[in-house]
Amino acid sequence: MDFDPAVERQESDDIEHKRVLVIGCGNVLIGDDGFGPAVIKHLSEKASIPADVGLVDAGTGIREILFNIILSQSRPEKIIIVDAIDAGRKPGEVFEISLENIPALKSDDFSMHQIPTSNMLRELRDECKVDVEVIAVQAQSLPKEIKSGLSAPVSEVVAKVHNIICKKLGLPT
């Protein structure tokens, strides 16, 4: 399947009062980095998402979203982050990563977007008691110039991550 989330960006749900937020991170103009938004688009088009679950295409702006959640009176019980990462694995490999195991090079630069979100994610987990999960895919390559569209190995696992998220939410796959 060819997923090009740059074709039409899915607007984020209103995230106030959601029990769960699924946040797709990434720049759709930088190849495999657009994986998170592609998963959000796939979920919004193919899954029956209940009203208490918010789908958020954060693009490269997750820091502002997390900051707003930290300051909010109403926080979700769970946040699932979906992103592409270079962890030296096989391209297209899907894996969960704990906040403590975010690669050292990414600890202050999570998701290759030069935004220090790892501390905010730990604060949400530890101080705000929000369950935070990160589902990652190993990027095949990140072009040095603008090039939208996912590589074949990464595109092939969008539906797999859709199913993983649906199972976590107790939804049919």
N, C-alpha and C. Protein backbone atom coordinates (compact mmCIF):
# COMPACT_ATOMS: atom_id res chain seq x y z
N MET A 1 0.84 -1.17 0.00
CA MET A 1 0.00 0.00 0.00
C MET A 1 0.89 1.24 0.00
N ASP A 2 0.43 2.26 -0.65
CA ASP A 2 1.19 3.51 -0.70
C ASP A 2 0.52 4.53 0.21
N PHE A 3 1.21 4.89 1.28
CA PHE A 3 0.68 5.88 2.21
C PHE A 3 1.45 7.16 2.04
N ASP A 4 0.77 8.19 1.63
CA ASP A 4 1.38 9.51 1.54
C ASP A 4 0.51 10.46 2.33
N PRO A 5 0.79 10.60 3.65
CA PRO A 5 -0.06 11.45 4.48
C PRO A 5 0.01 12.91 4.09
N ALA A 6 0.96 13.30 3.24
CA ALA A 6 1.05 14.69 2.83
C ALA A 6 -0.07 15.06 1.87
N VAL A 7 -0.72 14.05 1.28
CA VAL A 7 -1.78 14.33 0.33
C VAL A 7 -2.90 15.11 0.99
N GLU A 8 -3.32 14.69 2.17
CA GLU A 8 -4.36 15.41 2.90
C GLU A 8 -4.15 15.17 4.37
N ARG A 9 -3.74 16.18 5.09
CA ARG A 9 -3.46 16.04 6.52
C ARG A 9 -4.76 15.94 7.30
N GLN A 10 -4.83 14.94 8.15
CA GLN A 10 -5.99 14.75 9.01
C GLN A 10 -5.94 15.76 10.14
N GLU A 11 -6.96 16.56 10.28
CA GLU A 11 -7.01 17.52 11.38
C GLU A 11 -7.17 16.76 12.69
N SER A 12 -6.52 17.23 13.71
CA SER A 12 -6.57 16.58 15.02
C SER A 12 -7.94 16.75 15.65
N ASP A 13 -8.35 15.70 16.38
CA ASP A 13 -9.56 15.78 17.18
C ASP A 13 -9.37 16.81 18.27
N ASP A 14 -10.47 17.28 18.80
CA ASP A 14 -10.42 18.06 20.03
C ASP A 14 -9.93 17.11 21.11
N ILE A 15 -8.84 17.45 21.77
CA ILE A 15 -8.24 16.50 22.70
C ILE A 15 -8.70 16.67 24.14
N GLU A 16 -9.50 17.68 24.40
CA GLU A 16 -10.03 17.86 25.76
C GLU A 16 -10.93 16.68 26.13
N HIS A 17 -10.79 16.22 27.33
CA HIS A 17 -11.66 15.20 27.92
C HIS A 17 -11.60 13.85 27.20
N LYS A 18 -10.50 13.54 26.57
CA LYS A 18 -10.34 12.23 25.95
C LYS A 18 -9.70 11.28 26.97
N ARG A 19 -10.16 10.06 27.00
CA ARG A 19 -9.59 9.04 27.89
C ARG A 19 -8.23 8.59 27.38
N VAL A 20 -8.10 8.50 26.05
CA VAL A 20 -6.87 8.05 25.40
C VAL A 20 -6.57 9.00 24.25
N LEU A 21 -5.28 9.33 24.10
CA LEU A 21 -4.81 10.06 22.93
C LEU A 21 -3.82 9.19 22.18
N VAL A 22 -4.00 9.07 20.89
CA VAL A 22 -3.03 8.42 20.02
C VAL A 22 -2.42 9.55 19.20
N ILE A 23 -1.11 9.75 19.38
CA ILE A 23 -0.44 10.89 18.76
C ILE A 23 0.58 10.38 17.75
N GLY A 24 0.37 10.73 16.49
CA GLY A 24 1.32 10.40 15.43
C GLY A 24 2.28 11.55 15.22
N CYS A 25 3.58 11.28 15.33
CA CYS A 25 4.60 12.31 15.19
C CYS A 25 5.35 12.11 13.88
N GLY A 26 5.76 13.21 13.28
CA GLY A 26 6.62 13.10 12.11
C GLY A 26 6.34 14.14 11.06
N ASN A 27 7.35 14.35 10.26
CA ASN A 27 7.28 15.30 9.16
C ASN A 27 6.97 14.54 7.88
N VAL A 28 5.78 14.76 7.33
CA VAL A 28 5.34 14.03 6.15
C VAL A 28 6.15 14.38 4.90
N LEU A 29 6.97 15.40 4.98
CA LEU A 29 7.79 15.79 3.84
C LEU A 29 9.19 15.18 3.89
N ILE A 30 9.44 14.34 4.89
CA ILE A 30 10.77 13.74 5.05
C ILE A 30 10.65 12.21 5.05
N GLY A 31 10.07 11.66 4.00
CA GLY A 31 10.02 10.21 3.80
C GLY A 31 9.42 9.45 4.97
N ASP A 32 10.17 8.48 5.49
CA ASP A 32 9.68 7.61 6.55
C ASP A 32 9.34 8.36 7.84
N ASP A 33 9.82 9.57 7.99
CA ASP A 33 9.49 10.34 9.18
C ASP A 33 7.99 10.62 9.25
N GLY A 34 7.28 10.47 8.15
CA GLY A 34 5.83 10.67 8.12
C GLY A 34 5.03 9.47 8.58
N PHE A 35 5.69 8.49 9.18
CA PHE A 35 5.00 7.27 9.62
C PHE A 35 3.89 7.55 10.63
N GLY A 36 4.18 8.33 11.66
CA GLY A 36 3.16 8.62 12.69
C GLY A 36 1.90 9.22 12.09
N PRO A 37 2.01 10.28 11.29
CA PRO A 37 0.81 10.83 10.64
C PRO A 37 0.11 9.81 9.72
N ALA A 38 0.86 8.92 9.07
CA ALA A 38 0.24 7.91 8.21
C ALA A 38 -0.61 6.95 9.03
N VAL A 39 -0.13 6.58 10.22
CA VAL A 39 -0.91 5.69 11.08
C VAL A 39 -2.18 6.39 11.56
N ILE A 40 -2.07 7.66 11.93
CA ILE A 40 -3.25 8.41 12.37
C ILE A 40 -4.27 8.49 11.24
N LYS A 41 -3.81 8.77 10.04
CA LYS A 41 -4.72 8.84 8.90
C LYS A 41 -5.39 7.50 8.66
N HIS A 42 -4.62 6.41 8.73
CA HIS A 42 -5.17 5.07 8.54
C HIS A 42 -6.22 4.76 9.59
N LEU A 43 -5.92 5.06 10.86
CA LEU A 43 -6.89 4.82 11.93
C LEU A 43 -8.16 5.64 11.72
N SER A 44 -8.00 6.90 11.32
CA SER A 44 -9.18 7.76 11.16
C SER A 44 -10.06 7.29 10.01
N GLU A 45 -9.46 6.66 9.01
CA GLU A 45 -10.23 6.21 7.85
C GLU A 45 -10.78 4.79 8.01
N LYS A 46 -10.10 3.93 8.77
CA LYS A 46 -10.43 2.50 8.77
C LYS A 46 -10.96 1.96 10.09
N ALA A 47 -10.76 2.68 11.19
CA ALA A 47 -11.17 2.15 12.50
C ALA A 47 -12.40 2.87 13.01
N SER A 48 -13.16 2.17 13.82
CA SER A 48 -14.30 2.78 14.51
C SER A 48 -13.79 3.27 15.85
N ILE A 49 -13.37 4.52 15.87
CA ILE A 49 -12.76 5.10 17.05
C ILE A 49 -13.86 5.66 17.96
N PRO A 50 -13.90 5.21 19.22
CA PRO A 50 -14.91 5.74 20.14
C PRO A 50 -14.68 7.21 20.47
N ALA A 51 -15.71 7.87 20.94
CA ALA A 51 -15.65 9.31 21.21
C ALA A 51 -14.63 9.68 22.28
N ASP A 52 -14.28 8.74 23.16
CA ASP A 52 -13.34 9.06 24.24
C ASP A 52 -11.88 8.82 23.85
N VAL A 53 -11.64 8.53 22.57
CA VAL A 53 -10.28 8.33 22.06
C VAL A 53 -10.00 9.42 21.03
N GLY A 54 -8.92 10.15 21.23
CA GLY A 54 -8.54 11.21 20.29
C GLY A 54 -7.38 10.78 19.42
N LEU A 55 -7.49 11.06 18.14
CA LEU A 55 -6.40 10.83 17.19
C LEU A 55 -5.77 12.18 16.87
N VAL A 56 -4.47 12.27 17.03
CA VAL A 56 -3.79 13.55 16.84
C VAL A 56 -2.63 13.37 15.87
N ASP A 57 -2.69 14.05 14.75
CA ASP A 57 -1.55 14.16 13.84
C ASP A 57 -0.76 15.36 14.33
N ALA A 58 0.28 15.10 15.12
CA ALA A 58 1.05 16.19 15.74
C ALA A 58 2.07 16.78 14.78
N GLY A 59 2.30 16.13 13.65
CA GLY A 59 3.36 16.61 12.77
C GLY A 59 4.64 16.71 13.57
N THR A 60 5.27 17.86 13.53
CA THR A 60 6.49 18.06 14.31
C THR A 60 6.22 18.90 15.56
N GLY A 61 4.95 19.04 15.93
CA GLY A 61 4.59 19.92 17.03
C GLY A 61 4.11 19.22 18.29
N ILE A 62 4.68 18.08 18.61
CA ILE A 62 4.21 17.35 19.80
C ILE A 62 4.50 18.09 21.10
N ARG A 63 5.57 18.86 21.13
CA ARG A 63 5.94 19.53 22.39
C ARG A 63 4.81 20.42 22.90
N GLU A 64 4.21 21.21 22.04
CA GLU A 64 3.12 22.10 22.44
C GLU A 64 1.93 21.29 22.95
N ILE A 65 1.63 20.19 22.28
CA ILE A 65 0.51 19.34 22.70
C ILE A 65 0.77 18.79 24.09
N LEU A 66 1.97 18.24 24.32
CA LEU A 66 2.30 17.68 25.63
C LEU A 66 2.30 18.75 26.71
N PHE A 67 2.82 19.91 26.40
CA PHE A 67 2.83 21.01 27.36
C PHE A 67 1.41 21.38 27.77
N ASN A 68 0.50 21.45 26.79
CA ASN A 68 -0.89 21.77 27.08
C ASN A 68 -1.54 20.69 27.95
N ILE A 69 -1.20 19.43 27.70
CA ILE A 69 -1.75 18.34 28.51
C ILE A 69 -1.25 18.44 29.94
N ILE A 70 0.04 18.71 30.12
CA ILE A 70 0.60 18.84 31.46
C ILE A 70 -0.11 19.94 32.24
N LEU A 71 -0.42 21.04 31.59
CA LEU A 71 -1.06 22.17 32.26
C LEU A 71 -2.57 22.03 32.42
N SER A 72 -3.14 21.08 31.72
CA SER A 72 -4.59 20.93 31.71
C SER A 72 -5.12 20.34 33.02
N GLN A 73 -6.34 20.71 33.35
CA GLN A 73 -7.04 20.10 34.49
C GLN A 73 -7.53 18.70 34.13
N SER A 74 -7.80 18.50 32.84
CA SER A 74 -8.32 17.22 32.35
C SER A 74 -7.26 16.56 31.48
N ARG A 75 -6.75 15.42 31.93
CA ARG A 75 -5.71 14.71 31.19
C ARG A 75 -6.21 13.34 30.78
N PRO A 76 -5.68 12.81 29.69
CA PRO A 76 -6.05 11.45 29.32
C PRO A 76 -5.46 10.45 30.31
N GLU A 77 -6.05 9.26 30.35
CA GLU A 77 -5.48 8.18 31.16
C GLU A 77 -4.26 7.59 30.47
N LYS A 78 -4.28 7.60 29.13
CA LYS A 78 -3.23 6.96 28.36
C LYS A 78 -2.89 7.80 27.15
N ILE A 79 -1.61 7.83 26.81
CA ILE A 79 -1.13 8.44 25.57
C ILE A 79 -0.30 7.39 24.86
N ILE A 80 -0.63 7.18 23.58
CA ILE A 80 0.16 6.29 22.73
C ILE A 80 0.81 7.15 21.67
N ILE A 81 2.14 7.17 21.65
CA ILE A 81 2.90 7.94 20.66
C ILE A 81 3.33 6.98 19.55
N VAL A 82 3.16 7.39 18.30
CA VAL A 82 3.58 6.59 17.15
C VAL A 82 4.58 7.41 16.36
N ASP A 83 5.76 6.80 16.10
CA ASP A 83 6.81 7.56 15.43
C ASP A 83 7.78 6.63 14.73
N ALA A 84 8.51 7.19 13.79
CA ALA A 84 9.63 6.50 13.14
C ALA A 84 10.89 6.91 13.86
N ILE A 85 11.83 5.98 13.94
CA ILE A 85 13.08 6.25 14.65
C ILE A 85 14.19 5.44 14.00
N ASP A 86 15.40 5.88 14.16
CA ASP A 86 16.54 5.11 13.70
C ASP A 86 17.20 4.50 14.93
N ALA A 87 16.92 3.22 15.14
CA ALA A 87 17.46 2.50 16.29
C ALA A 87 18.38 1.37 15.84
N GLY A 88 18.81 1.41 14.58
CA GLY A 88 19.71 0.39 14.07
C GLY A 88 19.07 -0.96 13.85
N ARG A 89 17.77 -1.01 13.69
CA ARG A 89 17.05 -2.26 13.47
C ARG A 89 16.77 -2.44 11.98
N LYS A 90 16.06 -3.50 11.67
CA LYS A 90 15.69 -3.80 10.28
C LYS A 90 14.60 -2.81 9.85
N PRO A 91 14.74 -2.18 8.66
CA PRO A 91 13.72 -1.24 8.19
C PRO A 91 12.32 -1.87 8.21
N GLY A 92 11.37 -1.14 8.78
CA GLY A 92 10.01 -1.62 8.89
C GLY A 92 9.73 -2.41 10.16
N GLU A 93 10.76 -2.65 10.97
CA GLU A 93 10.54 -3.38 12.23
C GLU A 93 9.78 -2.49 13.20
N VAL A 94 8.70 -3.05 13.76
CA VAL A 94 7.87 -2.34 14.72
C VAL A 94 8.25 -2.80 16.11
N PHE A 95 8.39 -1.85 17.03
CA PHE A 95 8.76 -2.19 18.40
C PHE A 95 8.24 -1.13 19.35
N GLU A 96 8.03 -1.54 20.59
CA GLU A 96 7.67 -0.58 21.63
C GLU A 96 8.96 -0.20 22.34
N ILE A 97 9.01 1.04 22.77
CA ILE A 97 10.20 1.54 23.43
C ILE A 97 9.78 2.25 24.72
N SER A 98 10.44 1.90 25.81
CA SER A 98 10.12 2.56 27.07
C SER A 98 10.75 3.95 27.08
N LEU A 99 10.23 4.80 27.92
CA LEU A 99 10.77 6.15 28.00
C LEU A 99 12.22 6.14 28.46
N GLU A 100 12.57 5.16 29.26
CA GLU A 100 13.96 5.05 29.73
C GLU A 100 14.89 4.55 28.63
N ASN A 101 14.34 3.89 27.63
CA ASN A 101 15.17 3.31 26.57
C ASN A 101 15.17 4.10 25.28
N ILE A 102 14.68 5.33 25.33
CA ILE A 102 14.81 6.18 24.15
C ILE A 102 16.30 6.36 23.93
N PRO A 103 16.78 6.12 22.70
CA PRO A 103 18.23 6.20 22.47
C PRO A 103 18.81 7.51 22.98
N ALA A 104 20.02 7.43 23.53
CA ALA A 104 20.67 8.60 24.13
C ALA A 104 20.69 9.80 23.18
N LEU A 105 20.89 9.53 21.89
CA LEU A 105 20.91 10.63 20.93
C LEU A 105 19.54 11.29 20.79
N LYS A 106 18.49 10.59 21.21
CA LYS A 106 17.14 11.12 21.08
C LYS A 106 16.56 11.59 22.39
N SER A 107 17.25 11.44 23.49
CA SER A 107 16.66 11.73 24.79
C SER A 107 16.21 13.19 24.92
N ASP A 108 16.88 14.10 24.27
CA ASP A 108 16.44 15.48 24.28
C ASP A 108 15.98 15.93 22.90
N ASP A 109 15.85 15.01 22.00
CA ASP A 109 15.55 15.31 20.61
C ASP A 109 14.63 14.22 20.09
N PHE A 110 13.68 13.78 20.91
CA PHE A 110 12.81 12.66 20.57
C PHE A 110 12.14 12.89 19.23
N SER A 111 12.13 11.87 18.43
CA SER A 111 11.41 11.86 17.18
C SER A 111 12.07 12.70 16.10
N MET A 112 13.34 13.00 16.26
CA MET A 112 14.12 13.70 15.25
C MET A 112 13.54 15.07 14.90
N HIS A 113 12.82 15.69 15.80
CA HIS A 113 12.20 16.97 15.52
C HIS A 113 12.78 18.08 16.38
N GLN A 114 13.92 17.82 17.01
CA GLN A 114 14.60 18.82 17.82
C GLN A 114 13.68 19.43 18.86
N ILE A 115 12.91 18.57 19.50
CA ILE A 115 12.03 19.02 20.56
C ILE A 115 12.27 18.14 21.78
N PRO A 116 12.60 18.72 22.89
CA PRO A 116 12.91 17.91 24.07
C PRO A 116 11.65 17.38 24.74
N THR A 117 11.10 16.29 24.21
CA THR A 117 9.85 15.77 24.74
C THR A 117 10.04 14.67 25.76
N SER A 118 11.19 14.05 25.83
CA SER A 118 11.34 12.90 26.72
C SER A 118 11.09 13.28 28.17
N ASN A 119 11.55 14.45 28.60
CA ASN A 119 11.29 14.90 29.97
C ASN A 119 9.80 15.15 30.18
N MET A 120 9.14 15.70 29.19
CA MET A 120 7.70 15.95 29.32
C MET A 120 6.93 14.64 29.39
N LEU A 121 7.34 13.65 28.60
CA LEU A 121 6.67 12.36 28.64
C LEU A 121 6.85 11.70 30.01
N ARG A 122 8.06 11.79 30.56
CA ARG A 122 8.29 11.23 31.90
C ARG A 122 7.49 11.98 32.96
N GLU A 123 7.37 13.30 32.82
CA GLU A 123 6.56 14.07 33.77
C GLU A 123 5.10 13.66 33.68
N LEU A 124 4.59 13.47 32.48
CA LEU A 124 3.21 13.01 32.33
C LEU A 124 3.02 11.67 33.01
N ARG A 125 3.97 10.78 32.84
CA ARG A 125 3.87 9.45 33.44
C ARG A 125 4.04 9.51 34.96
N ASP A 126 5.09 10.16 35.42
CA ASP A 126 5.45 10.10 36.84
C ASP A 126 4.67 11.06 37.71
N GLU A 127 4.48 12.28 37.26
CA GLU A 127 3.82 13.30 38.08
C GLU A 127 2.31 13.40 37.82
N CYS A 128 1.91 13.18 36.56
CA CYS A 128 0.50 13.33 36.20
C CYS A 128 -0.23 11.99 36.15
N LYS A 129 0.52 10.90 36.32
CA LYS A 129 -0.05 9.54 36.35
C LYS A 129 -0.77 9.16 35.06
N VAL A 130 -0.20 9.59 33.92
CA VAL A 130 -0.71 9.22 32.60
C VAL A 130 0.13 8.04 32.10
N ASP A 131 -0.52 6.99 31.65
CA ASP A 131 0.18 5.85 31.07
C ASP A 131 0.69 6.28 29.69
N VAL A 132 2.01 6.24 29.47
CA VAL A 132 2.60 6.69 28.21
C VAL A 132 3.28 5.50 27.54
N GLU A 133 2.90 5.24 26.29
CA GLU A 133 3.51 4.18 25.50
C GLU A 133 4.03 4.77 24.20
N VAL A 134 5.14 4.22 23.72
CA VAL A 134 5.71 4.66 22.45
C VAL A 134 5.83 3.45 21.54
N ILE A 135 5.16 3.53 20.38
CA ILE A 135 5.27 2.50 19.35
C ILE A 135 6.11 3.11 18.24
N ALA A 136 7.19 2.43 17.91
CA ALA A 136 8.12 2.97 16.91
C ALA A 136 8.27 2.00 15.75
N VAL A 137 8.68 2.55 14.63
CA VAL A 137 9.07 1.75 13.48
C VAL A 137 10.48 2.19 13.09
N GLN A 138 11.27 1.23 12.68
CA GLN A 138 12.61 1.54 12.20
C GLN A 138 12.49 2.12 10.79
N ALA A 139 12.93 3.36 10.64
CA ALA A 139 12.91 4.01 9.33
C ALA A 139 13.92 3.34 8.41
N GLN A 140 13.59 3.24 7.13
CA GLN A 140 14.56 2.74 6.16
C GLN A 140 15.57 3.83 5.85
N SER A 141 15.03 5.03 5.58
CA SER A 141 15.92 6.15 5.30
C SER A 141 15.15 7.44 5.50
N LEU A 142 15.89 8.47 5.80
CA LEU A 142 15.32 9.81 5.92
C LEU A 142 16.06 10.68 4.91
N PRO A 143 15.37 11.10 3.86
CA PRO A 143 16.05 11.88 2.82
C PRO A 143 16.56 13.21 3.35
N LYS A 144 17.61 13.68 2.75
CA LYS A 144 18.19 14.97 3.14
C LYS A 144 17.45 16.14 2.49
N GLU A 145 16.57 15.85 1.56
CA GLU A 145 15.77 16.89 0.91
C GLU A 145 14.30 16.49 0.99
N ILE A 146 13.43 17.40 0.66
CA ILE A 146 12.00 17.14 0.75
C ILE A 146 11.62 16.02 -0.20
N LYS A 147 10.98 15.00 0.39
CA LYS A 147 10.49 13.86 -0.39
C LYS A 147 9.41 13.17 0.44
N SER A 148 8.16 13.39 0.06
CA SER A 148 7.07 12.78 0.82
C SER A 148 6.90 11.33 0.41
N GLY A 149 6.21 10.58 1.25
CA GLY A 149 5.93 9.18 0.98
C GLY A 149 6.84 8.27 1.78
N LEU A 150 6.27 7.16 2.21
CA LEU A 150 7.01 6.19 3.00
C LEU A 150 7.70 5.17 2.12
N SER A 151 8.81 4.64 2.61
CA SER A 151 9.48 3.55 1.91
C SER A 151 8.59 2.31 1.99
N ALA A 152 8.84 1.33 1.12
CA ALA A 152 8.02 0.11 1.10
C ALA A 152 8.01 -0.61 2.44
N PRO A 153 9.17 -0.84 3.10
CA PRO A 153 9.12 -1.56 4.38
C PRO A 153 8.32 -0.84 5.46
N VAL A 154 8.36 0.46 5.48
CA VAL A 154 7.64 1.23 6.49
C VAL A 154 6.15 1.32 6.12
N SER A 155 5.85 1.54 4.86
CA SER A 155 4.46 1.59 4.41
C SER A 155 3.73 0.28 4.70
N GLU A 156 4.44 -0.83 4.56
CA GLU A 156 3.83 -2.15 4.75
C GLU A 156 3.39 -2.41 6.19
N VAL A 157 3.92 -1.67 7.17
CA VAL A 157 3.57 -1.94 8.57
C VAL A 157 2.57 -0.93 9.14
N VAL A 158 2.07 0.00 8.34
CA VAL A 158 1.06 0.95 8.83
C VAL A 158 -0.15 0.18 9.34
N ALA A 159 -0.66 -0.78 8.56
CA ALA A 159 -1.83 -1.55 8.98
C ALA A 159 -1.51 -2.40 10.22
N LYS A 160 -0.29 -2.90 10.33
CA LYS A 160 0.11 -3.68 11.50
C LYS A 160 0.03 -2.82 12.77
N VAL A 161 0.53 -1.59 12.70
CA VAL A 161 0.48 -0.70 13.86
C VAL A 161 -0.97 -0.30 14.15
N HIS A 162 -1.76 -0.11 13.11
CA HIS A 162 -3.20 0.12 13.28
C HIS A 162 -3.78 -1.00 14.15
N ASN A 163 -3.48 -2.25 13.81
CA ASN A 163 -4.01 -3.40 14.55
C ASN A 163 -3.49 -3.43 15.99
N ILE A 164 -2.22 -3.12 16.19
CA ILE A 164 -1.64 -3.08 17.54
C ILE A 164 -2.39 -2.06 18.40
N ILE A 165 -2.63 -0.89 17.84
CA ILE A 165 -3.33 0.16 18.58
C ILE A 165 -4.77 -0.25 18.87
N CYS A 166 -5.44 -0.80 17.89
CA CYS A 166 -6.82 -1.25 18.11
C CYS A 166 -6.88 -2.29 19.23
N LYS A 167 -5.94 -3.24 19.25
CA LYS A 167 -5.91 -4.24 20.33
C LYS A 167 -5.69 -3.58 21.68
N LYS A 168 -4.78 -2.59 21.75
CA LYS A 168 -4.52 -1.89 23.01
C LYS A 168 -5.78 -1.17 23.50
N LEU A 169 -6.60 -0.72 22.55
CA LEU A 169 -7.81 0.02 22.90
C LEU A 169 -9.04 -0.88 23.04
N GLY A 170 -8.86 -2.19 22.80
CA GLY A 170 -9.97 -3.12 22.89
C GLY A 170 -10.96 -2.98 21.75
N LEU A 171 -10.46 -2.54 20.59
CA LEU A 171 -11.30 -2.35 19.40
C LEU A 171 -11.08 -3.48 18.42
N PRO A 172 -12.07 -3.77 17.57
CA PRO A 172 -11.85 -4.79 16.54
C PRO A 172 -10.77 -4.34 15.56
N THR A 173 -10.00 -5.30 15.06
CA THR A 173 -8.94 -4.98 14.10
C THR A 173 -9.40 -5.19 12.68
